[in-house]
N, C-alpha and C. Protein backbone atom coordinates (compact mmCIF):
# COMPACT_ATOMS: atom_id res chain seq x y z
N MET A 1 -1.65 16.68 7.25
CA MET A 1 -1.66 16.55 8.69
C MET A 1 -0.65 15.47 9.06
N MET A 2 0.26 15.81 9.93
CA MET A 2 1.23 14.85 10.41
C MET A 2 1.37 15.03 11.91
N ILE A 3 1.09 14.01 12.65
CA ILE A 3 1.26 14.05 14.09
C ILE A 3 2.20 12.92 14.44
N LEU A 4 3.20 13.23 15.22
CA LEU A 4 4.18 12.23 15.60
C LEU A 4 4.15 12.04 17.10
N GLU A 5 4.15 10.80 17.50
CA GLU A 5 4.34 10.48 18.91
C GLU A 5 5.44 9.45 18.94
N GLN A 6 6.46 9.70 19.74
CA GLN A 6 7.55 8.74 19.84
C GLN A 6 7.59 8.22 21.25
N SER A 7 7.64 6.91 21.37
CA SER A 7 7.74 6.33 22.69
C SER A 7 8.92 5.38 22.72
N THR A 8 9.52 5.27 23.89
CA THR A 8 10.62 4.34 24.08
C THR A 8 10.20 3.34 25.13
N HIS A 9 10.99 2.31 25.28
CA HIS A 9 10.66 1.28 26.26
C HIS A 9 10.70 1.82 27.69
N THR A 10 11.33 2.99 27.90
CA THR A 10 11.37 3.57 29.24
C THR A 10 10.11 4.36 29.54
N GLY A 11 9.28 4.53 28.53
CA GLY A 11 8.01 5.22 28.74
C GLY A 11 8.06 6.69 28.41
N THR A 12 9.19 7.22 27.98
CA THR A 12 9.29 8.62 27.63
C THR A 12 8.52 8.88 26.35
N THR A 13 7.76 9.95 26.31
CA THR A 13 6.96 10.26 25.13
C THR A 13 7.19 11.71 24.73
N ALA A 14 7.33 11.92 23.41
CA ALA A 14 7.43 13.28 22.88
C ALA A 14 6.48 13.38 21.71
N ALA A 15 5.79 14.48 21.58
CA ALA A 15 4.85 14.65 20.48
C ALA A 15 5.20 15.91 19.71
N GLY A 16 4.95 15.89 18.42
CA GLY A 16 5.18 17.05 17.59
C GLY A 16 4.12 17.11 16.52
N GLN A 17 4.02 18.23 15.84
CA GLN A 17 3.02 18.37 14.80
C GLN A 17 3.64 19.12 13.66
N GLY A 18 3.42 18.66 12.45
CA GLY A 18 4.02 19.29 11.28
C GLY A 18 2.98 19.68 10.26
N ALA A 19 3.39 20.53 9.35
CA ALA A 19 2.49 20.91 8.27
C ALA A 19 2.46 19.80 7.25
N GLY A 20 1.47 19.78 6.42
CA GLY A 20 1.37 18.77 5.40
C GLY A 20 -0.05 18.67 4.92
N GLN A 21 -0.92 19.47 5.47
CA GLN A 21 -2.32 19.42 5.10
C GLN A 21 -2.55 20.28 3.87
N ALA A 22 -3.09 19.68 2.86
CA ALA A 22 -3.37 20.40 1.62
C ALA A 22 -4.64 21.22 1.78
N ALA A 23 -4.85 22.12 0.85
CA ALA A 23 -6.06 22.92 0.87
C ALA A 23 -7.26 22.00 0.75
N GLY A 24 -8.31 22.32 1.44
CA GLY A 24 -9.50 21.47 1.43
C GLY A 24 -9.69 20.84 2.79
N SER A 25 -10.80 20.18 2.91
CA SER A 25 -11.16 19.60 4.19
C SER A 25 -10.66 18.17 4.29
N VAL A 26 -9.97 17.88 5.38
CA VAL A 26 -9.51 16.53 5.66
C VAL A 26 -10.23 16.08 6.92
N THR A 27 -10.93 14.97 6.81
CA THR A 27 -11.65 14.45 7.96
C THR A 27 -10.89 13.27 8.55
N MET A 28 -11.27 12.84 9.72
CA MET A 28 -10.62 11.69 10.36
C MET A 28 -10.80 10.43 9.52
N ALA A 29 -11.82 10.40 8.67
CA ALA A 29 -12.02 9.25 7.79
C ALA A 29 -10.95 9.18 6.71
N ASP A 30 -10.20 10.27 6.51
CA ASP A 30 -9.14 10.33 5.51
C ASP A 30 -7.75 10.17 6.13
N ILE A 31 -7.68 9.77 7.39
CA ILE A 31 -6.42 9.71 8.12
C ILE A 31 -6.09 8.27 8.48
N THR A 32 -4.82 7.89 8.28
CA THR A 32 -4.34 6.58 8.68
C THR A 32 -3.37 6.74 9.85
N THR A 33 -3.31 5.76 10.70
CA THR A 33 -2.37 5.75 11.81
C THR A 33 -1.33 4.68 11.50
N ILE A 34 -0.08 5.08 11.49
CA ILE A 34 1.01 4.16 11.18
C ILE A 34 1.98 4.12 12.34
N GLN A 35 2.22 2.93 12.87
CA GLN A 35 3.22 2.70 13.91
C GLN A 35 4.47 2.21 13.22
N VAL A 36 5.63 2.80 13.54
CA VAL A 36 6.89 2.37 12.94
C VAL A 36 7.89 2.12 14.06
N LYS A 37 8.35 0.88 14.15
CA LYS A 37 9.35 0.51 15.15
C LYS A 37 10.74 0.71 14.55
N THR A 38 11.64 1.33 15.33
CA THR A 38 13.00 1.58 14.85
C THR A 38 13.79 0.28 14.70
N GLU A 39 14.94 0.38 14.06
CA GLU A 39 15.79 -0.79 13.79
C GLU A 39 16.13 -1.55 15.06
N SER A 40 16.44 -0.82 16.12
CA SER A 40 16.85 -1.47 17.38
C SER A 40 15.65 -1.95 18.18
N GLY A 41 14.47 -1.47 17.83
CA GLY A 41 13.27 -1.84 18.57
C GLY A 41 13.08 -1.03 19.84
N SER A 42 13.96 -0.07 20.09
CA SER A 42 13.90 0.69 21.33
C SER A 42 12.89 1.84 21.29
N SER A 43 12.47 2.24 20.09
CA SER A 43 11.51 3.33 19.95
C SER A 43 10.46 2.98 18.92
N THR A 44 9.29 3.56 19.09
CA THR A 44 8.21 3.40 18.13
C THR A 44 7.66 4.78 17.80
N PHE A 45 7.55 5.07 16.52
CA PHE A 45 6.92 6.30 16.06
C PHE A 45 5.48 5.99 15.72
N ILE A 46 4.58 6.87 16.13
CA ILE A 46 3.16 6.75 15.76
C ILE A 46 2.82 8.00 14.97
N LEU A 47 2.47 7.80 13.71
CA LEU A 47 2.18 8.93 12.83
C LEU A 47 0.76 8.86 12.33
N LYS A 48 0.14 10.01 12.21
CA LYS A 48 -1.19 10.13 11.60
C LYS A 48 -0.99 10.92 10.31
N LEU A 49 -1.29 10.26 9.21
CA LEU A 49 -1.07 10.84 7.89
C LEU A 49 -2.32 10.72 7.04
N ARG A 50 -2.38 11.53 5.99
CA ARG A 50 -3.49 11.45 5.04
C ARG A 50 -3.32 10.24 4.15
N PHE A 51 -4.41 9.66 3.68
CA PHE A 51 -4.36 8.52 2.77
C PHE A 51 -3.54 8.83 1.53
N ASP A 52 -3.56 10.08 1.06
CA ASP A 52 -2.86 10.43 -0.17
C ASP A 52 -1.43 10.91 0.06
N ASP A 53 -0.94 10.88 1.31
CA ASP A 53 0.49 11.10 1.55
C ASP A 53 1.24 9.91 0.97
N THR A 54 2.52 10.08 0.68
CA THR A 54 3.29 9.03 0.04
C THR A 54 4.27 8.35 1.01
N ILE A 55 4.83 7.25 0.55
CA ILE A 55 5.89 6.56 1.30
C ILE A 55 7.04 7.54 1.52
N SER A 56 7.32 8.39 0.54
CA SER A 56 8.36 9.40 0.66
C SER A 56 8.07 10.36 1.81
N THR A 57 6.82 10.78 1.96
CA THR A 57 6.43 11.66 3.06
C THR A 57 6.72 10.99 4.40
N LEU A 58 6.36 9.73 4.50
CA LEU A 58 6.60 8.96 5.72
C LEU A 58 8.09 8.86 6.02
N LYS A 59 8.90 8.52 5.01
CA LYS A 59 10.34 8.38 5.20
C LYS A 59 10.99 9.71 5.56
N THR A 60 10.54 10.79 4.93
CA THR A 60 11.09 12.12 5.23
C THR A 60 10.88 12.46 6.70
N PHE A 61 9.69 12.22 7.18
CA PHE A 61 9.40 12.53 8.58
C PHE A 61 10.21 11.65 9.51
N LEU A 62 10.33 10.36 9.20
CA LEU A 62 11.14 9.45 10.03
C LEU A 62 12.60 9.89 10.03
N ASN A 63 13.13 10.27 8.88
CA ASN A 63 14.52 10.70 8.78
C ASN A 63 14.80 11.92 9.64
N GLU A 64 13.84 12.81 9.74
CA GLU A 64 14.00 14.02 10.55
C GLU A 64 13.99 13.73 12.05
N HIS A 65 13.39 12.63 12.46
CA HIS A 65 13.19 12.39 13.89
C HIS A 65 13.87 11.15 14.46
N ARG A 66 14.47 10.32 13.67
CA ARG A 66 14.98 9.06 14.20
C ARG A 66 16.38 9.13 14.78
N GLY A 67 17.15 10.16 14.47
CA GLY A 67 18.45 10.33 15.10
C GLY A 67 19.56 9.47 14.52
N SER A 68 19.40 8.98 13.30
CA SER A 68 20.42 8.16 12.66
C SER A 68 20.39 8.43 11.17
N THR A 69 21.55 8.28 10.54
CA THR A 69 21.61 8.45 9.09
C THR A 69 21.87 7.12 8.39
N GLU A 70 21.86 6.03 9.14
CA GLU A 70 22.07 4.70 8.56
C GLU A 70 20.95 4.38 7.57
N PRO A 71 21.28 3.74 6.45
CA PRO A 71 20.23 3.38 5.49
C PRO A 71 19.30 2.31 6.07
N TYR A 72 18.04 2.35 5.66
CA TYR A 72 17.05 1.40 6.16
C TYR A 72 15.98 1.18 5.11
N GLU A 73 15.19 0.15 5.33
CA GLU A 73 14.00 -0.05 4.51
C GLU A 73 12.80 -0.15 5.44
N LEU A 74 11.66 0.26 4.94
CA LEU A 74 10.41 0.14 5.68
C LEU A 74 9.74 -1.16 5.27
N ARG A 75 9.28 -1.93 6.25
CA ARG A 75 8.67 -3.23 5.99
C ARG A 75 7.42 -3.40 6.84
N THR A 76 6.56 -4.27 6.38
CA THR A 76 5.47 -4.77 7.22
C THR A 76 5.76 -6.24 7.46
N ALA A 77 5.33 -6.74 8.62
CA ALA A 77 5.53 -8.15 8.94
C ALA A 77 4.48 -9.01 8.25
N PHE A 78 3.25 -8.48 8.17
CA PHE A 78 2.18 -9.22 7.53
C PHE A 78 1.33 -8.26 6.72
N PRO A 79 1.35 -8.34 5.42
CA PRO A 79 2.17 -9.27 4.65
C PRO A 79 3.64 -8.86 4.72
N ASN A 80 4.54 -9.82 4.63
CA ASN A 80 5.97 -9.55 4.67
C ASN A 80 6.36 -8.84 3.39
N LYS A 81 6.57 -7.53 3.49
CA LYS A 81 6.78 -6.73 2.29
C LYS A 81 7.65 -5.52 2.61
N ALA A 82 8.54 -5.18 1.67
CA ALA A 82 9.33 -3.96 1.76
C ALA A 82 8.65 -2.89 0.91
N TYR A 83 8.67 -1.66 1.38
CA TYR A 83 8.05 -0.54 0.67
C TYR A 83 9.16 0.35 0.12
N GLU A 84 9.53 0.10 -1.13
CA GLU A 84 10.66 0.78 -1.75
C GLU A 84 10.24 1.88 -2.72
N GLU A 85 9.02 1.82 -3.23
CA GLU A 85 8.56 2.81 -4.21
C GLU A 85 8.02 4.03 -3.48
N ASP A 86 8.85 5.08 -3.43
CA ASP A 86 8.53 6.27 -2.65
C ASP A 86 7.32 7.05 -3.15
N THR A 87 6.94 6.85 -4.41
CA THR A 87 5.83 7.63 -4.96
C THR A 87 4.46 7.02 -4.66
N LEU A 88 4.44 5.81 -4.11
CA LEU A 88 3.15 5.19 -3.76
C LEU A 88 2.46 5.97 -2.66
N THR A 89 1.16 6.18 -2.82
CA THR A 89 0.41 6.77 -1.71
C THR A 89 0.21 5.70 -0.65
N LEU A 90 -0.09 6.12 0.55
CA LEU A 90 -0.33 5.16 1.63
C LEU A 90 -1.54 4.28 1.29
N LYS A 91 -2.53 4.87 0.62
CA LYS A 91 -3.70 4.10 0.20
C LYS A 91 -3.30 3.05 -0.83
N MET A 92 -2.53 3.43 -1.84
CA MET A 92 -2.11 2.49 -2.88
C MET A 92 -1.23 1.38 -2.29
N ALA A 93 -0.49 1.70 -1.24
CA ALA A 93 0.39 0.73 -0.61
C ALA A 93 -0.36 -0.20 0.34
N GLY A 94 -1.65 0.09 0.58
CA GLY A 94 -2.45 -0.76 1.46
C GLY A 94 -2.21 -0.50 2.94
N LEU A 95 -1.73 0.72 3.27
CA LEU A 95 -1.41 1.05 4.65
C LEU A 95 -2.52 1.84 5.33
N ILE A 96 -3.75 1.58 4.92
CA ILE A 96 -4.91 2.25 5.53
C ILE A 96 -5.89 1.18 6.01
N PRO A 97 -6.71 1.38 6.99
CA PRO A 97 -6.84 2.57 7.83
C PRO A 97 -5.76 2.67 8.90
N ASN A 98 -4.93 1.61 9.07
CA ASN A 98 -3.79 1.69 9.97
C ASN A 98 -2.80 0.61 9.59
N ALA A 99 -1.57 0.76 10.07
CA ALA A 99 -0.53 -0.21 9.74
C ALA A 99 0.55 -0.20 10.81
N THR A 100 1.21 -1.33 10.95
CA THR A 100 2.39 -1.44 11.80
C THR A 100 3.56 -1.80 10.91
N MET A 101 4.61 -1.00 11.01
CA MET A 101 5.78 -1.19 10.16
C MET A 101 7.03 -1.29 11.02
N LEU A 102 8.11 -1.75 10.40
CA LEU A 102 9.38 -1.75 11.09
C LEU A 102 10.46 -1.26 10.14
N MET A 103 11.48 -0.68 10.74
CA MET A 103 12.62 -0.19 9.97
C MET A 103 13.68 -1.28 10.06
N ARG A 104 14.16 -1.76 8.91
CA ARG A 104 15.22 -2.77 8.90
C ARG A 104 16.48 -2.14 8.34
N SER A 105 17.54 -2.25 9.08
CA SER A 105 18.82 -1.64 8.70
C SER A 105 19.34 -2.26 7.40
N LEU A 106 19.87 -1.41 6.54
CA LEU A 106 20.51 -1.87 5.31
C LEU A 106 22.02 -1.65 5.37
N ALA A 107 22.50 -1.21 6.54
CA ALA A 107 23.93 -0.97 6.71
C ALA A 107 24.70 -2.30 6.69
N PRO A 108 25.84 -2.31 6.04
CA PRO A 108 26.63 -3.55 6.02
C PRO A 108 27.05 -3.94 7.45
N LYS A 109 27.07 -5.25 7.69
CA LYS A 109 27.39 -5.71 9.04
C LYS A 109 28.82 -6.18 9.12
């Protein structure tokens, strides 16, 4: 289950829904909500993902919707940490039951 809501500082909102639900029953108790702020801070993605989805799943979805191909890393402010291991599940990464993340540009300045 993947639900995306994107909001900008102007208040514009767009929502989409993607496949990703495995066979079997997924309850709301198995879902995490992750807010991801873009590099510029002008947009925030709100995603609902399964605990067993991976960092790679999160990055793939962000890459499809963010409108940029610039390299970035996903970070949390507290604890201050970069999430570089794409095979980690959201549960193993400690991003449950919810998390706020930011995208930090890795493009040379």
